[in-house]
């Protein structure tokens, strides 16, 4: 299983809106969220809030059989939930999931698992 971790700075004043969106995905929109992630091949997703003097940052972690395929699928999906997810990501982070991010992807420098 491949994994990806990344840090995305929340736009100023968007922390509560992001927390509300994450809560909504885990409750009122849970079935849509689960269907989306199953379709994309994402098997785990976790979000963390890191508060810093420079502003709030979301630490995001996903696992999938094929990370690149999952992210590409999310970028082009016309599923209503995926379209909304992309809109929320743009509104909260200023990050357009339909465009490749500048620079290389995050580099895994250490990954330990119990055997």
C-alpha atoms as a PDB file:
ATOM      1  CA  UNK A   1       0.000   0.000   0.000  1.00  0.00           C
ATOM      2  CA  UNK A   2       1.414   3.370  -1.019  1.00  0.00           C
ATOM      3  CA  UNK A   3       1.052   6.418   1.202  1.00  0.00           C
ATOM      4  CA  UNK A   4       1.290  10.168   0.828  1.00  0.00           C
ATOM      5  CA  UNK A   5       1.575  12.856   3.456  1.00  0.00           C
ATOM      6  CA  UNK A   6       1.439  16.557   2.753  1.00  0.00           C
ATOM      7  CA  UNK A   7       1.026  19.862   4.510  1.00  0.00           C
ATOM      8  CA  UNK A   8      -1.333  22.469   3.086  1.00  0.00           C
ATOM      9  CA  UNK A   9      -1.593  25.935   4.575  1.00  0.00           C
ATOM     10  CA  UNK A  10      -5.171  26.929   5.273  1.00  0.00           C
ATOM     11  CA  UNK A  11      -6.136  30.304   3.877  1.00  0.00           C
ATOM     12  CA  UNK A  12      -6.464  32.968   6.592  1.00  0.00           C
ATOM     13  CA  UNK A  13      -9.739  32.671   8.480  1.00  0.00           C
ATOM     14  CA  UNK A  14     -10.617  29.255   6.980  1.00  0.00           C
ATOM     15  CA  UNK A  15      -9.721  26.941   9.877  1.00  0.00           C
ATOM     16  CA  UNK A  16     -13.236  26.620  11.305  1.00  0.00           C
ATOM     17  CA  UNK A  17     -14.731  26.157   7.841  1.00  0.00           C
ATOM     18  CA  UNK A  18     -12.209  23.343   7.204  1.00  0.00           C
ATOM     19  CA  UNK A  19     -13.010  21.673  10.531  1.00  0.00           C
ATOM     20  CA  UNK A  20     -16.724  21.903   9.703  1.00  0.00           C
ATOM     21  CA  UNK A  21     -16.129  20.403   6.245  1.00  0.00           C
ATOM     22  CA  UNK A  22     -14.110  17.509   7.685  1.00  0.00           C
ATOM     23  CA  UNK A  23     -16.860  16.887  10.249  1.00  0.00           C
ATOM     24  CA  UNK A  24     -19.509  17.003   7.502  1.00  0.00           C
ATOM     25  CA  UNK A  25     -17.573  14.435   5.447  1.00  0.00           C
ATOM     26  CA  UNK A  26     -17.496  12.142   8.477  1.00  0.00           C
ATOM     27  CA  UNK A  27     -21.205  12.491   9.259  1.00  0.00           C
ATOM     28  CA  UNK A  28     -23.842  13.956   6.916  1.00  0.00           C
ATOM     29  CA  UNK A  29     -21.826  13.139   3.766  1.00  0.00           C
ATOM     30  CA  UNK A  30     -20.199   9.943   5.015  1.00  0.00           C
ATOM     31  CA  UNK A  31     -21.824   7.633   2.461  1.00  0.00           C
ATOM     32  CA  UNK A  32     -20.827   9.948  -0.427  1.00  0.00           C
ATOM     33  CA  UNK A  33     -17.308  10.264   0.981  1.00  0.00           C
ATOM     34  CA  UNK A  34     -16.913   6.497   1.386  1.00  0.00           C
ATOM     35  CA  UNK A  35     -18.223   5.798  -2.131  1.00  0.00           C
ATOM     36  CA  UNK A  36     -15.798   8.355  -3.563  1.00  0.00           C
ATOM     37  CA  UNK A  37     -12.804   6.920  -1.777  1.00  0.00           C
ATOM     38  CA  UNK A  38     -13.709   3.316  -2.661  1.00  0.00           C
ATOM     39  CA  UNK A  39     -14.040   4.309  -6.332  1.00  0.00           C
ATOM     40  CA  UNK A  40     -10.662   6.076  -6.206  1.00  0.00           C
ATOM     41  CA  UNK A  41      -8.947   3.180  -4.427  1.00  0.00           C
ATOM     42  CA  UNK A  42      -8.156   5.234  -1.325  1.00  0.00           C
ATOM     43  CA  UNK A  43      -8.122   2.965   1.727  1.00  0.00           C
ATOM     44  CA  UNK A  44      -7.146   5.413   4.453  1.00  0.00           C
ATOM     45  CA  UNK A  45      -7.279   9.157   4.888  1.00  0.00           C
ATOM     46  CA  UNK A  46      -6.412  11.195   7.967  1.00  0.00           C
ATOM     47  CA  UNK A  47      -6.291  14.939   8.597  1.00  0.00           C
ATOM     48  CA  UNK A  48      -4.482  16.827  11.342  1.00  0.00           C
ATOM     49  CA  UNK A  49      -4.455  20.502  12.275  1.00  0.00           C
ATOM     50  CA  UNK A  50      -1.074  22.082  13.003  1.00  0.00           C
ATOM     51  CA  UNK A  51      -1.232  25.580  14.421  1.00  0.00           C
ATOM     52  CA  UNK A  52       1.912  27.619  13.803  1.00  0.00           C
ATOM     53  CA  UNK A  53       2.931  31.256  14.255  1.00  0.00           C
ATOM     54  CA  UNK A  54       2.685  31.585  10.461  1.00  0.00           C
ATOM     55  CA  UNK A  55      -0.907  30.293  10.379  1.00  0.00           C
ATOM     56  CA  UNK A  56      -2.836  27.052  10.466  1.00  0.00           C
ATOM     57  CA  UNK A  57      -1.777  24.086   8.368  1.00  0.00           C
ATOM     58  CA  UNK A  58      -3.636  20.888   7.541  1.00  0.00           C
ATOM     59  CA  UNK A  59      -1.476  17.777   7.594  1.00  0.00           C
ATOM     60  CA  UNK A  60      -3.073  15.277   5.215  1.00  0.00           C
ATOM     61  CA  UNK A  61      -2.301  11.571   4.907  1.00  0.00           C
ATOM     62  CA  UNK A  62      -3.701   9.068   2.418  1.00  0.00           C
ATOM     63  CA  UNK A  63      -3.088   5.434   1.568  1.00  0.00           C
ATOM     64  CA  UNK A  64      -4.030   3.802  -1.721  1.00  0.00           C
ATOM     65  CA  UNK A  65      -2.887   1.010  -3.965  1.00  0.00           C
ATOM     66  CA  UNK A  66      -1.856   3.644  -6.528  1.00  0.00           C
ATOM     67  CA  UNK A  67      -1.588   7.201  -5.168  1.00  0.00           C
ATOM     68  CA  UNK A  68      -1.043   8.840  -8.569  1.00  0.00           C
ATOM     69  CA  UNK A  69      -4.080   7.104 -10.041  1.00  0.00           C
ATOM     70  CA  UNK A  70      -6.233   8.041  -7.039  1.00  0.00           C
ATOM     71  CA  UNK A  71      -5.246  11.712  -7.252  1.00  0.00           C
ATOM     72  CA  UNK A  72      -5.714  11.785 -11.025  1.00  0.00           C
ATOM     73  CA  UNK A  73      -9.136  10.192 -10.589  1.00  0.00           C
ATOM     74  CA  UNK A  74     -10.091  12.830  -8.036  1.00  0.00           C
ATOM     75  CA  UNK A  75      -8.880  15.586 -10.379  1.00  0.00           C
ATOM     76  CA  UNK A  76     -11.093  14.505 -13.290  1.00  0.00           C
ATOM     77  CA  UNK A  77     -14.080  12.886 -11.572  1.00  0.00           C
ATOM     78  CA  UNK A  78     -17.478  14.370 -12.344  1.00  0.00           C
ATOM     79  CA  UNK A  79     -19.074  12.656  -9.338  1.00  0.00           C
ATOM     80  CA  UNK A  80     -20.971  15.404  -7.458  1.00  0.00           C
ATOM     81  CA  UNK A  81     -19.129  14.699  -4.193  1.00  0.00           C
ATOM     82  CA  UNK A  82     -15.714  14.820  -5.884  1.00  0.00           C
ATOM     83  CA  UNK A  83     -16.632  18.086  -7.629  1.00  0.00           C
ATOM     84  CA  UNK A  84     -17.665  19.522  -4.243  1.00  0.00           C
ATOM     85  CA  UNK A  85     -14.465  18.193  -2.631  1.00  0.00           C
ATOM     86  CA  UNK A  86     -12.369  19.996  -5.261  1.00  0.00           C
ATOM     87  CA  UNK A  87     -14.360  23.209  -4.728  1.00  0.00           C
ATOM     88  CA  UNK A  88     -13.882  23.017  -0.952  1.00  0.00           C
ATOM     89  CA  UNK A  89     -10.153  22.384  -1.391  1.00  0.00           C
ATOM     90  CA  UNK A  90      -9.865  25.464  -3.589  1.00  0.00           C
ATOM     91  CA  UNK A  91     -11.941  27.600  -1.190  1.00  0.00           C
ATOM     92  CA  UNK A  92     -10.121  26.469   1.966  1.00  0.00           C
ATOM     93  CA  UNK A  93      -6.537  26.136   0.730  1.00  0.00           C
ATOM     94  CA  UNK A  94      -6.404  27.960  -2.599  1.00  0.00           C
ATOM     95  CA  UNK A  95      -5.230  24.619  -4.049  1.00  0.00           C
ATOM     96  CA  UNK A  96      -6.722  23.503  -7.377  1.00  0.00           C
ATOM     97  CA  UNK A  97      -6.834  19.707  -7.450  1.00  0.00           C
ATOM     98  CA  UNK A  98      -7.330  19.737 -11.230  1.00  0.00           C
ATOM     99  CA  UNK A  99      -3.835  21.206 -11.696  1.00  0.00           C
ATOM    100  CA  UNK A 100      -0.580  19.483 -10.755  1.00  0.00           C
ATOM    101  CA  UNK A 101       1.091  21.183  -7.804  1.00  0.00           C
ATOM    102  CA  UNK A 102       4.325  23.042  -8.488  1.00  0.00           C
ATOM    103  CA  UNK A 103       7.477  21.143  -7.663  1.00  0.00           C
ATOM    104  CA  UNK A 104       8.040  17.499  -6.845  1.00  0.00           C
ATOM    105  CA  UNK A 105       5.644  15.440  -4.706  1.00  0.00           C
ATOM    106  CA  UNK A 106       6.411  15.024  -1.009  1.00  0.00           C
ATOM    107  CA  UNK A 107       9.329  12.677  -0.400  1.00  0.00           C
ATOM    108  CA  UNK A 108       8.975   9.827   2.075  1.00  0.00           C
ATOM    109  CA  UNK A 109      12.093   9.897   4.238  1.00  0.00           C
ATOM    110  CA  UNK A 110      11.039   7.348   6.884  1.00  0.00           C
ATOM    111  CA  UNK A 111       8.228   4.798   7.051  1.00  0.00           C
ATOM    112  CA  UNK A 112       8.110   2.117   9.730  1.00  0.00           C
ATOM    113  CA  UNK A 113       5.381  -0.496  10.195  1.00  0.00           C
ATOM    114  CA  UNK A 114       5.118  -3.309  12.670  1.00  0.00           C
ATOM    115  CA  UNK A 115       5.380  -6.710  11.030  1.00  0.00           C
END
